[in-house]
Every structure is written in structure tokens, then in C-alpha cells.
Amino acid sequence: MLRLSGGRIEIRVPKIPRPFPKNVYATTLWPFVFYEPQVWDDECVQKHERYHWIDQIRWLVIPWLVIYLLLSLKYGGGRNHPLEKPAYAIQDECSARTRPKPAPKS
């Protein structure tokens, strides 16, 4: 499945391939954003990946990838990575807003 949105080419794939870890369900390589089916419609994951999409335009793709990979050697992937922190902050804020609120205790 393919979706065009704001210049992004978003593609649903069965699985994000190696070399990405198994716990990666979406990834951006400008101008493409790849999503596994379970996160295809997840608004918060989309915001996370769209942050990377804009970041790659700002930095230009190749310099962004080089810096990302070099920083990965020190920080690994995920939330500890300096280029992931702002994307996860956006995703977490979105998740907090869209998560159902617990019923008040009486």
C-alpha cells in the first residue's frame, strides 16, 4: 500500500528489513517512510517518522545518515540516540494525548 502525504512517499511493508533491529516498525529514508502494518495507521508513529523526514531535509540525507550511524556507535539506537530523542518526545506527547484517560475514582 502507498500513501502520498505532504511530499512524503509512505509505503506499507510486511517487515522492516535488516540491518534494522526487530523492534523497529517504521523507518524514514527521505523521501520515503516505511511502516509495518501494525503501525501504518498509528498517528503517533507517523509524527515520529515525519520528524525524521523533516530532519533529513534540513541536514540533507547523506550527512544525516552518516551522523546517525556514527552516533549509533556511541548511543545505540532507540531513545538514547540524540537524533531519536526529539522524535520520541513528539511520539510520547501524542500518545499521552490520544491515550484513553482512566475513569475517575469515586
PDB file of N, CA and C in Angstrom:
ATOM      1  N   MET A   1       0.854  -1.171   0.000  1.00  0.00           N
ATOM      2  CA  MET A   1       0.000   0.000   0.000  1.00  0.00           C
ATOM      3  C   MET A   1       0.899   1.233   0.000  1.00  0.00           C
ATOM      4  N   LEU A   2       0.424   2.274  -0.638  1.00  0.00           N
ATOM      5  CA  LEU A   2       1.175   3.509  -0.802  1.00  0.00           C
ATOM      6  C   LEU A   2       0.296   4.687  -0.409  1.00  0.00           C
ATOM      7  N   ARG A   3       0.925   5.674   0.236  1.00  0.00           N
ATOM      8  CA  ARG A   3       0.198   6.882   0.628  1.00  0.00           C
ATOM      9  C   ARG A   3       1.122   8.062   0.335  1.00  0.00           C
ATOM     10  N   LEU A   4       0.597   9.071  -0.341  1.00  0.00           N
ATOM     11  CA  LEU A   4       1.344  10.302  -0.592  1.00  0.00           C
ATOM     12  C   LEU A   4       0.781  11.372   0.323  1.00  0.00           C
ATOM     13  N   SER A   5       1.661  12.014   1.080  1.00  0.00           N
ATOM     14  CA  SER A   5       1.203  12.981   2.066  1.00  0.00           C
ATOM     15  C   SER A   5       2.266  14.051   2.267  1.00  0.00           C
ATOM     16  N   GLY A   6       1.959  15.282   1.883  1.00  0.00           N
ATOM     17  CA  GLY A   6       2.871  16.398   2.125  1.00  0.00           C
ATOM     18  C   GLY A   6       4.254  16.202   1.527  1.00  0.00           C
ATOM     19  N   GLY A   7       4.345  15.557   0.373  1.00  0.00           N
ATOM     20  CA  GLY A   7       5.631  15.313  -0.257  1.00  0.00           C
ATOM     21  C   GLY A   7       6.278  14.007   0.163  1.00  0.00           C
ATOM     22  N   ARG A   8       5.757  13.394   1.220  1.00  0.00           N
ATOM     23  CA  ARG A   8       6.294  12.115   1.683  1.00  0.00           C
ATOM     24  C   ARG A   8       5.682  10.993   0.856  1.00  0.00           C
ATOM     25  N   ILE A   9       6.484   9.983   0.603  1.00  0.00           N
ATOM     26  CA  ILE A   9       6.000   8.759  -0.027  1.00  0.00           C
ATOM     27  C   ILE A   9       6.010   7.707   1.071  1.00  0.00           C
ATOM     28  N   GLU A  10       4.832   7.385   1.576  1.00  0.00           N
ATOM     29  CA  GLU A  10       4.716   6.457   2.697  1.00  0.00           C
ATOM     30  C   GLU A  10       4.303   5.090   2.149  1.00  0.00           C
ATOM     31  N   ILE A  11       5.054   4.079   2.539  1.00  0.00           N
ATOM     32  CA  ILE A  11       4.879   2.737   1.994  1.00  0.00           C
ATOM     33  C   ILE A  11       4.691   1.752   3.137  1.00  0.00           C
ATOM     34  N   ARG A  12       3.656   0.926   3.015  1.00  0.00           N
ATOM     35  CA  ARG A  12       3.445  -0.149   3.994  1.00  0.00           C
ATOM     36  C   ARG A  12       4.189  -1.381   3.500  1.00  0.00           C
ATOM     37  N   VAL A  13       5.042  -1.913   4.348  1.00  0.00           N
ATOM     38  CA  VAL A  13       5.837  -3.090   4.011  1.00  0.00           C
ATOM     39  C   VAL A  13       5.518  -4.191   5.018  1.00  0.00           C
ATOM     40  N   PRO A  14       5.661  -5.451   4.632  1.00  0.00           N
ATOM     41  CA  PRO A  14       5.372  -6.533   5.587  1.00  0.00           C
ATOM     42  C   PRO A  14       6.289  -6.500   6.798  1.00  0.00           C
ATOM     43  N   LYS A  15       7.577  -6.151   6.573  1.00  0.00           N
ATOM     44  CA  LYS A  15       8.570  -6.153   7.658  1.00  0.00           C
ATOM     45  C   LYS A  15       9.683  -5.183   7.297  1.00  0.00           C
ATOM     46  N   ILE A  16      10.131  -4.389   8.278  1.00  0.00           N
ATOM     47  CA  ILE A  16      11.305  -3.543   8.076  1.00  0.00           C
ATOM     48  C   ILE A  16      12.500  -4.499   8.022  1.00  0.00           C
ATOM     49  N   PRO A  17      13.298  -4.446   6.939  1.00  0.00           N
ATOM     50  CA  PRO A  17      14.361  -5.440   6.769  1.00  0.00           C
ATOM     51  C   PRO A  17      15.596  -5.155   7.611  1.00  0.00           C
ATOM     52  N   ARG A  18      16.485  -6.125   7.661  1.00  0.00           N
ATOM     53  CA  ARG A  18      17.798  -5.926   8.244  1.00  0.00           C
ATOM     54  C   ARG A  18      18.502  -4.853   7.439  1.00  0.00           C
ATOM     55  N   PRO A  19      19.325  -4.050   7.956  1.00  0.00           N
ATOM     56  CA  PRO A  19      20.050  -4.187   9.217  1.00  0.00           C
ATOM     57  C   PRO A  19      19.298  -3.619  10.412  1.00  0.00           C
ATOM     58  N   PHE A  20      18.029  -3.229  10.240  1.00  0.00           N
ATOM     59  CA  PHE A  20      17.273  -2.658  11.349  1.00  0.00           C
ATOM     60  C   PHE A  20      16.925  -3.740  12.365  1.00  0.00           C
ATOM     61  N   PRO A  21      16.957  -3.399  13.653  1.00  0.00           N
ATOM     62  CA  PRO A  21      16.585  -4.377  14.691  1.00  0.00           C
ATOM     63  C   PRO A  21      15.124  -4.805  14.558  1.00  0.00           C
ATOM     64  N   LYS A  22      14.797  -5.931  15.164  1.00  0.00           N
ATOM     65  CA  LYS A  22      13.439  -6.477  15.089  1.00  0.00           C
ATOM     66  C   LYS A  22      12.394  -5.547  15.713  1.00  0.00           C
ATOM     67  N   ASN A  23      12.811  -4.719  16.671  1.00  0.00           N
ATOM     68  CA  ASN A  23      11.850  -3.843  17.353  1.00  0.00           C
ATOM     69  C   ASN A  23      11.654  -2.506  16.614  1.00  0.00           C
ATOM     70  N   VAL A  24      12.139  -2.395  15.391  1.00  0.00           N
ATOM     71  CA  VAL A  24      11.895  -1.207  14.566  1.00  0.00           C
ATOM     72  C   VAL A  24      10.736  -1.528  13.638  1.00  0.00           C
ATOM     73  N   TYR A  25       9.654  -0.737  13.754  1.00  0.00           N
ATOM     74  CA  TYR A  25       8.438  -0.987  12.980  1.00  0.00           C
ATOM     75  C   TYR A  25       8.201   0.064  11.898  1.00  0.00           C
ATOM     76  N   ALA A  26       9.044   1.090  11.876  1.00  0.00           N
ATOM     77  CA  ALA A  26       8.944   2.139  10.862  1.00  0.00           C
ATOM     78  C   ALA A  26      10.311   2.783  10.717  1.00  0.00           C
ATOM     79  N   THR A  27      10.584   3.283   9.529  1.00  0.00           N
ATOM     80  CA  THR A  27      11.855   3.968   9.299  1.00  0.00           C
ATOM     81  C   THR A  27      11.702   4.955   8.146  1.00  0.00           C
ATOM     82  N   THR A  28      12.539   5.972   8.162  1.00  0.00           N
ATOM     83  CA  THR A  28      12.495   7.020   7.149  1.00  0.00           C
ATOM     84  C   THR A  28      13.823   7.100   6.426  1.00  0.00           C
ATOM     85  N   LEU A  29      13.756   7.130   5.131  1.00  0.00           N
ATOM     86  CA  LEU A  29      14.896   7.418   4.276  1.00  0.00           C
ATOM     87  C   LEU A  29      14.349   8.319   3.177  1.00  0.00           C
ATOM     88  N   TRP A  30      14.537   9.630   3.380  1.00  0.00           N
ATOM     89  CA  TRP A  30      13.903  10.632   2.543  1.00  0.00           C
ATOM     90  C   TRP A  30      14.012  10.265   1.073  1.00  0.00           C
ATOM     91  N   PRO A  31      12.951  10.349   0.285  1.00  0.00           N
ATOM     92  CA  PRO A  31      11.622  10.876   0.575  1.00  0.00           C
ATOM     93  C   PRO A  31      10.635   9.816   1.039  1.00  0.00           C
ATOM     94  N   PHE A  32      11.160   8.634   1.399  1.00  0.00           N
ATOM     95  CA  PHE A  32      10.295   7.514   1.745  1.00  0.00           C
ATOM     96  C   PHE A  32      10.161   7.347   3.252  1.00  0.00           C
ATOM     97  N   VAL A  33       8.966   6.906   3.662  1.00  0.00           N
ATOM     98  CA  VAL A  33       8.735   6.487   5.037  1.00  0.00           C
ATOM     99  C   VAL A  33       8.118   5.091   4.936  1.00  0.00           C
ATOM    100  N   PHE A  34       8.740   4.131   5.593  1.00  0.00           N
ATOM    101  CA  PHE A  34       8.284   2.747   5.549  1.00  0.00           C
ATOM    102  C   PHE A  34       7.645   2.383   6.883  1.00  0.00           C
ATOM    103  N   TYR A  35       6.470   1.753   6.822  1.00  0.00           N
ATOM    104  CA  TYR A  35       5.740   1.337   8.020  1.00  0.00           C
ATOM    105  C   TYR A  35       5.380  -0.140   7.912  1.00  0.00           C
ATOM    106  N   GLU A  36       5.493  -0.855   9.015  1.00  0.00           N
ATOM    107  CA  GLU A  36       4.933  -2.195   9.087  1.00  0.00           C
ATOM    108  C   GLU A  36       3.424  -2.055   9.300  1.00  0.00           C
ATOM    109  N   PRO A  37       2.646  -3.085   8.951  1.00  0.00           N
ATOM    110  CA  PRO A  37       1.178  -2.972   9.027  1.00  0.00           C
ATOM    111  C   PRO A  37       0.638  -2.542  10.392  1.00  0.00           C
ATOM    112  N   GLN A  38       1.262  -3.002  11.490  1.00  0.00           N
ATOM    113  CA  GLN A  38       0.731  -2.701  12.821  1.00  0.00           C
ATOM    114  C   GLN A  38       0.871  -1.232  13.209  1.00  0.00           C
ATOM    115  N   VAL A  39       1.712  -0.464  12.492  1.00  0.00           N
ATOM    116  CA  VAL A  39       1.859   0.963  12.813  1.00  0.00           C
ATOM    117  C   VAL A  39       1.459   1.865  11.644  1.00  0.00           C
ATOM    118  N   TRP A  40       0.966   1.284  10.561  1.00  0.00           N
ATOM    119  CA  TRP A  40       0.590   2.038   9.367  1.00  0.00           C
ATOM    120  C   TRP A  40      -0.373   3.178   9.696  1.00  0.00           C
ATOM    121  N   ASP A  41      -1.351   2.936  10.538  1.00  0.00           N
ATOM    122  CA  ASP A  41      -2.352   3.952  10.880  1.00  0.00           C
ATOM    123  C   ASP A  41      -2.111   4.603  12.239  1.00  0.00           C
ATOM    124  N   ASP A  42      -0.965   4.384  12.839  1.00  0.00           N
ATOM    125  CA  ASP A  42      -0.660   4.940  14.158  1.00  0.00           C
ATOM    126  C   ASP A  42      -0.200   6.391  14.004  1.00  0.00           C
ATOM    127  N   GLU A  43      -1.069   7.309  14.381  1.00  0.00           N
ATOM    128  CA  GLU A  43      -0.800   8.744  14.232  1.00  0.00           C
ATOM    129  C   GLU A  43       0.495   9.157  14.941  1.00  0.00           C
ATOM    130  N   CYS A  44       0.769   8.556  16.080  1.00  0.00           N
ATOM    131  CA  CYS A  44       1.939   8.958  16.868  1.00  0.00           C
ATOM    132  C   CYS A  44       3.244   8.463  16.237  1.00  0.00           C
ATOM    133  N   VAL A  45       3.236   7.263  15.690  1.00  0.00           N
ATOM    134  CA  VAL A  45       4.415   6.768  14.972  1.00  0.00           C
ATOM    135  C   VAL A  45       4.620   7.599  13.710  1.00  0.00           C
ATOM    136  N   GLN A  46       3.530   7.967  13.055  1.00  0.00           N
ATOM    137  CA  GLN A  46       3.633   8.822  11.868  1.00  0.00           C
ATOM    138  C   GLN A  46       4.300  10.148  12.218  1.00  0.00           C
ATOM    139  N   LYS A  47       3.941  10.748  13.333  1.00  0.00           N
ATOM    140  CA  LYS A  47       4.567  12.017  13.752  1.00  0.00           C
ATOM    141  C   LYS A  47       6.056  11.827  14.020  1.00  0.00           C
ATOM    142  N   HIS A  48       6.406  10.712  14.640  1.00  0.00           N
ATOM    143  CA  HIS A  48       7.808  10.388  14.904  1.00  0.00           C
ATOM    144  C   HIS A  48       8.583  10.325  13.587  1.00  0.00           C
ATOM    145  N   GLU A  49       8.073   9.572  12.631  1.00  0.00           N
ATOM    146  CA  GLU A  49       8.771   9.407  11.358  1.00  0.00           C
ATOM    147  C   GLU A  49       8.772  10.696  10.540  1.00  0.00           C
ATOM    148  N   ARG A  50       7.738  11.469  10.638  1.00  0.00           N
ATOM    149  CA  ARG A  50       7.702  12.749   9.917  1.00  0.00           C
ATOM    150  C   ARG A  50       8.726  13.726  10.483  1.00  0.00           C
ATOM    151  N   TYR A  51       9.011  13.614  11.766  1.00  0.00           N
ATOM    152  CA  TYR A  51      10.088  14.427  12.349  1.00  0.00           C
ATOM    153  C   TYR A  51      11.418  14.076  11.657  1.00  0.00           C
ATOM    154  N   HIS A  52      11.693  12.775  11.517  1.00  0.00           N
ATOM    155  CA  HIS A  52      12.924  12.354  10.840  1.00  0.00           C
ATOM    156  C   HIS A  52      12.936  12.812   9.388  1.00  0.00           C
ATOM    157  N   TRP A  53      11.797  12.778   8.731  1.00  0.00           N
ATOM    158  CA  TRP A  53      11.686  13.185   7.326  1.00  0.00           C
ATOM    159  C   TRP A  53      12.120  14.645   7.183  1.00  0.00           C
ATOM    160  N   ILE A  54      11.607  15.508   8.062  1.00  0.00           N
ATOM    161  CA  ILE A  54      11.971  16.936   8.033  1.00  0.00           C
ATOM    162  C   ILE A  54      13.446  17.109   8.407  1.00  0.00           C
ATOM    163  N   ASP A  55      13.901  16.366   9.418  1.00  0.00           N
ATOM    164  CA  ASP A  55      15.293  16.437   9.851  1.00  0.00           C
ATOM    165  C   ASP A  55      16.241  16.087   8.702  1.00  0.00           C
ATOM    166  N   GLN A  56      15.887  15.077   7.929  1.00  0.00           N
ATOM    167  CA  GLN A  56      16.729  14.675   6.802  1.00  0.00           C
ATOM    168  C   GLN A  56      16.749  15.737   5.706  1.00  0.00           C
ATOM    169  N   ILE A  57      15.673  16.479   5.539  1.00  0.00           N
ATOM    170  CA  ILE A  57      15.661  17.594   4.585  1.00  0.00           C
ATOM    171  C   ILE A  57      16.581  18.698   5.106  1.00  0.00           C
ATOM    172  N   ARG A  58      16.470  19.025   6.397  1.00  0.00           N
ATOM    173  CA  ARG A  58      17.297  20.078   6.998  1.00  0.00           C
ATOM    174  C   ARG A  58      18.789  19.794   6.873  1.00  0.00           C
ATOM    175  N   TRP A  59      19.165  18.578   7.202  1.00  0.00           N
ATOM    176  CA  TRP A  59      20.576  18.199   7.235  1.00  0.00           C
ATOM    177  C   TRP A  59      21.079  17.732   5.870  1.00  0.00           C
ATOM    178  N   LEU A  60      20.190  17.406   4.985  1.00  0.00           N
ATOM    179  CA  LEU A  60      20.447  16.663   3.751  1.00  0.00           C
ATOM    180  C   LEU A  60      20.614  15.187   4.132  1.00  0.00           C
ATOM    181  N   VAL A  61      20.175  14.320   3.280  1.00  0.00           N
ATOM    182  CA  VAL A  61      20.048  12.906   3.639  1.00  0.00           C
ATOM    183  C   VAL A  61      21.387  12.247   3.974  1.00  0.00           C
ATOM    184  N   ILE A  62      22.361  12.375   3.118  1.00  0.00           N
ATOM    185  CA  ILE A  62      23.633  11.661   3.341  1.00  0.00           C
ATOM    186  C   ILE A  62      24.328  12.140   4.617  1.00  0.00           C
ATOM    187  N   PRO A  63      24.491  13.453   4.840  1.00  0.00           N
ATOM    188  CA  PRO A  63      25.093  13.870   6.120  1.00  0.00           C
ATOM    189  C   PRO A  63      24.293  13.376   7.333  1.00  0.00           C
ATOM    190  N   TRP A  64      22.970  13.409   7.238  1.00  0.00           N
ATOM    191  CA  TRP A  64      22.123  12.937   8.343  1.00  0.00           C
ATOM    192  C   TRP A  64      22.404  11.464   8.630  1.00  0.00           C
ATOM    193  N   LEU A  65      22.456  10.651   7.569  1.00  0.00           N
ATOM    194  CA  LEU A  65      22.701   9.215   7.748  1.00  0.00           C
ATOM    195  C   LEU A  65      24.084   8.948   8.343  1.00  0.00           C
ATOM    196  N   VAL A  66      25.084   9.674   7.878  1.00  0.00           N
ATOM    197  CA  VAL A  66      26.446   9.488   8.399  1.00  0.00           C
ATOM    198  C   VAL A  66      26.485   9.834   9.884  1.00  0.00           C
ATOM    199  N   ILE A  67      25.918  10.983  10.247  1.00  0.00           N
ATOM    200  CA  ILE A  67      25.897  11.391  11.661  1.00  0.00           C
ATOM    201  C   ILE A  67      25.091  10.388  12.491  1.00  0.00           C
ATOM    202  N   TYR A  68      23.946   9.951  11.954  1.00  0.00           N
ATOM    203  CA  TYR A  68      23.106   8.988  12.670  1.00  0.00           C
ATOM    204  C   TYR A  68      23.902   7.711  12.954  1.00  0.00           C
ATOM    205  N   LEU A  69      24.562   7.195  11.939  1.00  0.00           N
ATOM    206  CA  LEU A  69      25.325   5.950  12.112  1.00  0.00           C
ATOM    207  C   LEU A  69      26.497   6.130  13.067  1.00  0.00           C
ATOM    208  N   LEU A  70      27.210   7.237  12.960  1.00  0.00           N
ATOM    209  CA  LEU A  70      28.318   7.493  13.888  1.00  0.00           C
ATOM    210  C   LEU A  70      27.827   7.606  15.328  1.00  0.00           C
ATOM    211  N   LEU A  71      26.741   8.321  15.536  1.00  0.00           N
ATOM    212  CA  LEU A  71      26.184   8.443  16.890  1.00  0.00           C
ATOM    213  C   LEU A  71      25.665   7.103  17.402  1.00  0.00           C
ATOM    214  N   SER A  72      25.220   6.242  16.491  1.00  0.00           N
ATOM    215  CA  SER A  72      24.741   4.911  16.888  1.00  0.00           C
ATOM    216  C   SER A  72      25.842   4.085  17.530  1.00  0.00           C
ATOM    217  N   LEU A  73      27.076   4.311  17.116  1.00  0.00           N
ATOM    218  CA  LEU A  73      28.194   3.576  17.711  1.00  0.00           C
ATOM    219  C   LEU A  73      28.325   3.879  19.198  1.00  0.00           C
ATOM    220  N   LYS A  74      28.047   5.124  19.574  1.00  0.00           N
ATOM    221  CA  LYS A  74      28.153   5.521  20.979  1.00  0.00           C
ATOM    222  C   LYS A  74      26.847   5.288  21.751  1.00  0.00           C
ATOM    223  N   TYR A  75      25.714   5.650  21.135  1.00  0.00           N
ATOM    224  CA  TYR A  75      24.444   5.660  21.860  1.00  0.00           C
ATOM    225  C   TYR A  75      23.545   4.466  21.552  1.00  0.00           C
ATOM    226  N   GLY A  76      23.886   3.679  20.547  1.00  0.00           N
ATOM    227  CA  GLY A  76      22.977   2.619  20.120  1.00  0.00           C
ATOM    228  C   GLY A  76      21.768   3.245  19.436  1.00  0.00           C
ATOM    229  N   GLY A  77      20.724   2.482  19.316  1.00  0.00           N
ATOM    230  CA  GLY A  77      19.512   3.004  18.699  1.00  0.00           C
ATOM    231  C   GLY A  77      18.488   3.362  19.747  1.00  0.00           C
ATOM    232  N   GLY A  78      17.313   3.686  19.298  1.00  0.00           N
ATOM    233  CA  GLY A  78      16.208   3.945  20.208  1.00  0.00           C
ATOM    234  C   GLY A  78      16.311   5.257  20.948  1.00  0.00           C
ATOM    235  N   ARG A  79      15.727   5.303  22.100  1.00  0.00           N
ATOM    236  CA  ARG A  79      15.520   6.550  22.844  1.00  0.00           C
ATOM    237  C   ARG A  79      16.799   7.247  23.295  1.00  0.00           C
ATOM    238  N   ASN A  80      17.896   6.536  23.402  1.00  0.00           N
ATOM    239  CA  ASN A  80      19.152   7.145  23.849  1.00  0.00           C
ATOM    240  C   ASN A  80      19.865   7.915  22.743  1.00  0.00           C
ATOM    241  N   HIS A  81      19.515   7.643  21.517  1.00  0.00           N
ATOM    242  CA  HIS A  81      20.185   8.260  20.365  1.00  0.00           C
ATOM    243  C   HIS A  81      19.777   9.735  20.261  1.00  0.00           C
ATOM    244  N   PRO A  82      20.750  10.649  20.152  1.00  0.00           N
ATOM    245  CA  PRO A  82      20.421  12.081  20.098  1.00  0.00           C
ATOM    246  C   PRO A  82      19.475  12.489  18.962  1.00  0.00           C
ATOM    247  N   LEU A  83      19.523  11.794  17.828  1.00  0.00           N
ATOM    248  CA  LEU A  83      18.605  12.146  16.739  1.00  0.00           C
ATOM    249  C   LEU A  83      17.238  11.484  16.898  1.00  0.00           C
ATOM    250  N   GLU A  84      17.123  10.565  17.847  1.00  0.00           N
ATOM    251  CA  GLU A  84      15.834   9.923  18.149  1.00  0.00           C
ATOM    252  C   GLU A  84      15.084  10.623  19.279  1.00  0.00           C
ATOM    253  N   LYS A  85      15.826  11.254  20.192  1.00  0.00           N
ATOM    254  CA  LYS A  85      15.182  11.855  21.374  1.00  0.00           C
ATOM    255  C   LYS A  85      14.048  12.811  21.018  1.00  0.00           C
ATOM    256  N   PRO A  86      14.243  13.778  20.096  1.00  0.00           N
ATOM    257  CA  PRO A  86      13.130  14.685  19.782  1.00  0.00           C
ATOM    258  C   PRO A  86      11.962  13.961  19.111  1.00  0.00           C
ATOM    259  N   ALA A  87      12.257  12.962  18.287  1.00  0.00           N
ATOM    260  CA  ALA A  87      11.182  12.215  17.621  1.00  0.00           C
ATOM    261  C   ALA A  87      10.366  11.425  18.643  1.00  0.00           C
ATOM    262  N   TYR A  88      11.057  10.807  19.616  1.00  0.00           N
ATOM    263  CA  TYR A  88      10.336  10.078  20.664  1.00  0.00           C
ATOM    264  C   TYR A  88       9.553  11.028  21.567  1.00  0.00           C
ATOM    265  N   ALA A  89      10.070  12.221  21.809  1.00  0.00           N
ATOM    266  CA  ALA A  89       9.329  13.200  22.622  1.00  0.00           C
ATOM    267  C   ALA A  89       8.011  13.560  21.935  1.00  0.00           C
ATOM    268  N   ILE A  90       8.052  13.749  20.633  1.00  0.00           N
ATOM    269  CA  ILE A  90       6.831  14.044  19.866  1.00  0.00           C
ATOM    270  C   ILE A  90       5.884  12.858  19.914  1.00  0.00           C
ATOM    271  N   GLN A  91       6.419  11.665  19.729  1.00  0.00           N
ATOM    272  CA  GLN A  91       5.587  10.460  19.759  1.00  0.00           C
ATOM    273  C   GLN A  91       4.963  10.261  21.139  1.00  0.00           C
ATOM    274  N   ASP A  92       5.743  10.459  22.197  1.00  0.00           N
ATOM    275  CA  ASP A  92       5.233  10.278  23.558  1.00  0.00           C
ATOM    276  C   ASP A  92       4.155  11.303  23.893  1.00  0.00           C
ATOM    277  N   GLU A  93       4.362  12.550  23.470  1.00  0.00           N
ATOM    278  CA  GLU A  93       3.354  13.586  23.711  1.00  0.00           C
ATOM    279  C   GLU A  93       2.052  13.236  22.994  1.00  0.00           C
ATOM    280  N   CYS A  94       2.168  12.782  21.775  1.00  0.00           N
ATOM    281  CA  CYS A  94       0.994  12.361  21.013  1.00  0.00           C
ATOM    282  C   CYS A  94       0.298  11.190  21.703  1.00  0.00           C
ATOM    283  N   SER A  95       1.068  10.210  22.139  1.00  0.00           N
ATOM    284  CA  SER A  95       0.490   9.041  22.815  1.00  0.00           C
ATOM    285  C   SER A  95      -0.224   9.437  24.100  1.00  0.00           C
ATOM    286  N   ALA A  96       0.355  10.373  24.849  1.00  0.00           N
ATOM    287  CA  ALA A  96      -0.278  10.826  26.093  1.00  0.00           C
ATOM    288  C   ALA A  96      -1.608  11.528  25.808  1.00  0.00           C
ATOM    289  N   ARG A  97      -1.646  12.273  24.697  1.00  0.00           N
ATOM    290  CA  ARG A  97      -2.874  12.986  24.327  1.00  0.00           C
ATOM    291  C   ARG A  97      -3.957  12.042  23.831  1.00  0.00           C
ATOM    292  N   THR A  98      -3.568  10.998  23.109  1.00  0.00           N
ATOM    293  CA  THR A  98      -4.562  10.131  22.474  1.00  0.00           C
ATOM    294  C   THR A  98      -4.919   8.909  23.316  1.00  0.00           C
ATOM    295  N   ARG A  99      -4.141   8.655  24.361  1.00  0.00           N
ATOM    296  CA  ARG A  99      -4.410   7.511  25.230  1.00  0.00           C
ATOM    297  C   ARG A  99      -5.694   7.776  26.010  1.00  0.00           C
ATOM    298  N   PRO A 100      -6.581   6.767  26.118  1.00  0.00           N
ATOM    299  CA  PRO A 100      -7.798   6.989  26.911  1.00  0.00           C
ATOM    300  C   PRO A 100      -7.469   7.317  28.364  1.00  0.00           C
ATOM    301  N   LYS A 101      -8.181   8.280  28.907  1.00  0.00           N
ATOM    302  CA  LYS A 101      -7.978   8.693  30.302  1.00  0.00           C
ATOM    303  C   LYS A 101      -8.673   7.684  31.228  1.00  0.00           C
ATOM    304  N   PRO A 102      -8.025   7.349  32.345  1.00  0.00           N
ATOM    305  CA  PRO A 102      -8.684   6.437  33.289  1.00  0.00           C
ATOM    306  C   PRO A 102      -9.919   7.108  33.901  1.00  0.00           C
ATOM    307  N   ALA A 103     -10.887   6.280  34.205  1.00  0.00           N
ATOM    308  CA  ALA A 103     -12.112   6.792  34.817  1.00  0.00           C
ATOM    309  C   ALA A 103     -11.800   7.322  36.222  1.00  0.00           C
ATOM    310  N   PRO A 104     -12.416   8.443  36.592  1.00  0.00           N
ATOM    311  CA  PRO A 104     -12.161   8.990  37.940  1.00  0.00           C
ATOM    312  C   PRO A 104     -12.633   8.013  39.017  1.00  0.00           C
ATOM    313  N   LYS A 105     -11.880   7.976  40.115  1.00  0.00           N
ATOM    314  CA  LYS A 105     -12.258   7.094  41.234  1.00  0.00           C
ATOM    315  C   LYS A 105     -13.339   7.790  42.037  1.00  0.00           C
ATOM    316  N   SER A 106     -14.335   6.995  42.426  1.00  0.00           N
ATOM    317  CA  SER A 106     -15.404   7.603  43.211  1.00  0.00           C
ATOM    318  C   SER A 106     -15.354   7.198  44.641  1.00  0.00           C
TER     319      SER A 106
END
